[in-house]
Amino acid sequence: MKSAKKQQDQRTEGDHWGGDDVPTVSEVIGEGAAAHRIVRVGAWELVASAADSEPRIRDLDLAVRLEFGRPRDIRRLIRSLETAGKLNDLHHRDGASRTGRQVAARPEKEYWLTEAQALKVVAKSETAVADALLDEVIRVFVLARKGLLPQQQPSQAGAAFAAGLERMAVAIERFGTIVA
């Protein structure tokens, strides 16, 4: 029988590097400026605002995947990259956290990173898994965008164009040339 710790490690390892490549997208949640969709790709969860449909990952979720000893340390890295002008247009939510025996909650910013921002943070994180995680982040964001794209039906013009190409191919086979 496997220990609970060993099972958790195997589950985390499988979720971390693999998982289902089929993105699932929720219906719109919330209204107005708070309206968003949740996009899941395997064990990854991204949020796309209804306003711009740009998938974003929460800073602490990225920190866990980067195996930061203290996930909140990623916020120090994000702030330093922002100060250096390497991260722009950061989206954040104001919140509060309480740790241990703290009586009062401490205000903090929760960052929601776009693909480009997440890639910069991963590249600058200097963790043991950062290099391998770069490929994973790219794969997840690409699949998330594909899941957010509306499924398009072929248009009548497209069908007519395809039929015309088929007729041209038949004419070339029969006559060796196209007659206008």
Protein backbone atom coordinates (compact mmCIF):
# COMPACT_ATOMS: atom_id res chain seq x y z
CA MET A 1 0.00 0.00 0.00
CA LYS A 2 1.38 3.44 -0.95
CA SER A 3 1.71 6.16 1.65
CA ALA A 4 -0.47 9.25 1.31
CA LYS A 5 2.65 11.40 0.75
CA LYS A 6 3.89 9.14 -2.08
CA GLN A 7 0.45 9.17 -3.76
CA GLN A 8 0.33 12.98 -3.49
CA ASP A 9 3.83 13.29 -4.98
CA GLN A 10 2.88 11.06 -7.93
CA ARG A 11 -0.39 12.93 -8.50
CA THR A 12 1.41 16.29 -8.41
CA GLU A 13 4.17 15.05 -10.72
CA GLY A 14 1.64 13.76 -13.26
CA ASP A 15 -0.40 16.96 -13.11
CA HIS A 16 2.72 19.12 -13.30
CA TRP A 17 4.16 17.76 -16.53
CA GLY A 18 1.32 16.13 -18.37
CA GLY A 19 -2.39 15.96 -18.23
CA ASP A 20 -5.22 16.37 -20.63
CA ASP A 21 -4.45 18.50 -23.69
CA VAL A 22 -8.11 19.30 -24.32
CA PRO A 23 -8.94 22.70 -22.87
CA THR A 24 -12.28 23.13 -21.13
CA VAL A 25 -13.81 26.58 -20.92
CA SER A 26 -16.55 27.61 -18.52
CA GLU A 27 -19.50 29.78 -19.38
CA VAL A 28 -19.09 33.46 -18.48
CA ILE A 29 -19.01 33.89 -14.71
CA GLY A 30 -19.94 37.23 -13.14
CA GLU A 31 -21.09 40.45 -14.75
CA GLY A 32 -19.59 43.68 -16.03
CA ALA A 33 -15.89 44.24 -15.32
CA ALA A 34 -15.79 41.08 -13.17
CA ALA A 35 -17.07 38.82 -15.98
CA HIS A 36 -14.61 36.04 -16.83
CA ARG A 37 -14.22 32.43 -17.98
CA ILE A 38 -12.18 29.69 -16.37
CA VAL A 39 -9.97 27.74 -18.77
CA ARG A 40 -8.59 24.37 -17.66
CA VAL A 41 -5.83 22.56 -19.50
CA GLY A 42 -4.99 19.40 -17.60
CA ALA A 43 -4.20 20.46 -14.04
CA TRP A 44 -3.60 24.08 -15.07
CA GLU A 45 -6.27 26.68 -14.42
CA LEU A 46 -6.26 30.04 -16.18
CA VAL A 47 -8.76 32.89 -16.08
CA ALA A 48 -9.79 34.90 -19.14
CA SER A 49 -11.66 38.16 -18.64
CA ALA A 50 -14.71 38.60 -20.82
CA ALA A 51 -13.40 42.03 -21.84
CA ASP A 52 -10.24 40.87 -23.63
CA SER A 53 -10.30 37.02 -23.51
CA GLU A 54 -6.58 37.06 -22.58
CA PRO A 55 -5.81 33.94 -20.51
CA ARG A 56 -3.97 34.72 -17.27
CA ILE A 57 -2.43 32.62 -14.51
CA ARG A 58 -2.40 33.57 -10.84
CA ASP A 59 1.07 34.34 -9.50
CA LEU A 60 0.88 31.87 -6.61
CA ASP A 61 -0.19 29.02 -8.92
CA LEU A 62 2.85 29.69 -11.10
CA ALA A 63 5.09 29.85 -8.01
CA VAL A 64 3.94 26.40 -6.88
CA ARG A 65 4.78 24.96 -10.31
CA LEU A 66 8.16 26.68 -10.16
CA GLU A 67 8.67 24.96 -6.80
CA PHE A 68 9.31 28.15 -4.85
CA GLY A 69 9.98 27.30 -1.19
CA ARG A 70 7.67 30.16 -0.24
CA PRO A 71 5.21 30.82 -3.10
CA ARG A 72 4.65 34.45 -2.08
CA ASP A 73 8.31 35.14 -2.92
CA ILE A 74 7.27 35.21 -6.58
CA ARG A 75 5.64 38.58 -5.89
CA ARG A 76 9.02 40.07 -4.98
CA LEU A 77 10.36 38.84 -8.35
CA ILE A 78 7.33 40.26 -10.19
CA ARG A 79 7.71 43.67 -8.49
CA SER A 80 11.44 43.78 -9.33
CA LEU A 81 10.73 42.94 -13.00
CA GLU A 82 8.03 45.61 -13.07
CA THR A 83 10.38 48.19 -11.53
CA ALA A 84 13.05 47.29 -14.10
CA GLY A 85 10.50 47.88 -16.88
CA LYS A 86 10.53 44.22 -17.96
CA LEU A 87 6.87 43.60 -17.04
CA ASN A 88 4.23 46.10 -18.10
CA ASP A 89 0.46 46.35 -17.81
CA LEU A 90 0.25 43.95 -14.87
CA HIS A 91 -3.25 42.98 -13.78
CA HIS A 92 -3.69 42.56 -10.07
CA ARG A 93 -6.33 42.18 -7.42
CA ASP A 94 -6.00 43.78 -4.04
CA GLY A 95 -6.45 41.38 -1.18
CA ALA A 96 -5.30 40.62 2.30
CA SER A 97 -3.49 37.71 3.88
CA ARG A 98 -3.05 36.45 7.37
CA THR A 99 -0.31 34.08 8.44
CA GLY A 100 0.26 32.17 11.65
CA ARG A 101 -0.80 34.10 14.71
CA GLN A 102 -1.35 37.43 12.99
CA VAL A 103 -4.34 39.30 14.33
CA ALA A 104 -4.78 41.76 11.48
CA ALA A 105 -4.66 40.86 7.81
CA ARG A 106 -1.88 42.38 5.73
CA PRO A 107 -2.82 44.04 2.40
CA GLU A 108 -1.23 42.45 -0.66
CA LYS A 109 -1.53 42.34 -4.44
CA GLU A 110 -2.37 39.13 -6.25
CA TYR A 111 -0.94 39.25 -9.78
CA TRP A 112 -2.61 37.66 -12.82
CA LEU A 113 -0.01 37.13 -15.53
CA THR A 114 -0.47 36.90 -19.30
CA GLU A 115 1.49 34.34 -21.30
CA ALA A 116 4.36 36.75 -22.05
CA GLN A 117 4.53 37.90 -18.43
CA ALA A 118 4.45 34.34 -17.11
CA LEU A 119 7.25 33.34 -19.50
CA LYS A 120 9.42 36.24 -18.32
CA VAL A 121 8.82 35.35 -14.68
CA VAL A 122 9.63 31.67 -15.32
CA ALA A 123 12.81 32.60 -17.21
CA LYS A 124 14.00 34.90 -14.41
CA SER A 125 12.97 32.65 -11.51
CA GLU A 126 16.21 30.64 -11.42
CA THR A 127 14.53 27.54 -9.98
CA ALA A 128 15.59 24.00 -10.85
CA VAL A 129 12.47 23.34 -12.93
CA ALA A 130 12.25 26.73 -14.67
CA ASP A 131 13.75 25.66 -18.00
CA ALA A 132 11.49 22.63 -18.36
CA LEU A 133 8.48 24.65 -17.21
CA LEU A 134 8.95 27.19 -20.03
CA ASP A 135 7.83 24.62 -22.60
CA GLU A 136 4.89 23.59 -20.42
CA VAL A 137 3.69 27.20 -19.98
CA ILE A 138 3.84 27.77 -23.74
CA ARG A 139 1.85 24.56 -24.40
CA VAL A 140 -0.80 25.41 -21.81
CA PHE A 141 -1.37 28.98 -23.01
CA VAL A 142 -1.53 27.88 -26.67
CA LEU A 143 -4.14 25.25 -25.80
CA ALA A 144 -6.05 27.74 -23.65
CA ARG A 145 -6.25 30.21 -26.53
CA LYS A 146 -7.45 27.44 -28.84
CA GLY A 147 -10.15 26.56 -26.32
CA LEU A 148 -11.28 30.20 -26.16
CA LEU A 149 -11.63 30.54 -29.93
CA PRO A 150 -15.19 30.24 -31.17
CA GLN A 151 -15.83 27.12 -33.22
CA GLN A 152 -16.42 28.37 -36.75
CA GLN A 153 -18.62 26.73 -39.34
CA PRO A 154 -17.44 26.89 -42.94
CA SER A 155 -19.04 29.83 -44.69
CA GLN A 156 -20.98 29.50 -47.93
CA ALA A 157 -18.26 31.49 -49.70
CA GLY A 158 -15.62 29.11 -48.33
CA ALA A 159 -17.62 26.09 -49.50
CA ALA A 160 -18.08 27.63 -52.96
CA PHE A 161 -14.34 28.37 -53.13
CA ALA A 162 -13.50 24.78 -52.17
CA ALA A 163 -15.91 23.46 -54.82
CA GLY A 164 -14.27 25.71 -57.42
CA LEU A 165 -10.83 24.39 -56.50
CA GLU A 166 -12.13 20.83 -56.84
CA ARG A 167 -13.49 21.61 -60.34
CA MET A 168 -10.13 23.14 -61.30
CA ALA A 169 -8.27 20.04 -60.09
CA VAL A 170 -10.56 17.81 -62.18
CA ALA A 171 -10.05 20.04 -65.26
CA ILE A 172 -6.26 19.93 -64.84
CA GLU A 173 -6.36 16.14 -64.59
CA ARG A 174 -8.47 15.82 -67.75
CA PHE A 175 -7.01 18.50 -69.95
CA GLY A 176 -3.64 19.32 -68.39
CA THR A 177 -4.50 23.00 -68.28
CA ILE A 178 -7.11 25.41 -66.97
CA VAL A 179 -9.46 27.03 -69.49
CA ALA A 180 -10.99 30.27 -68.33
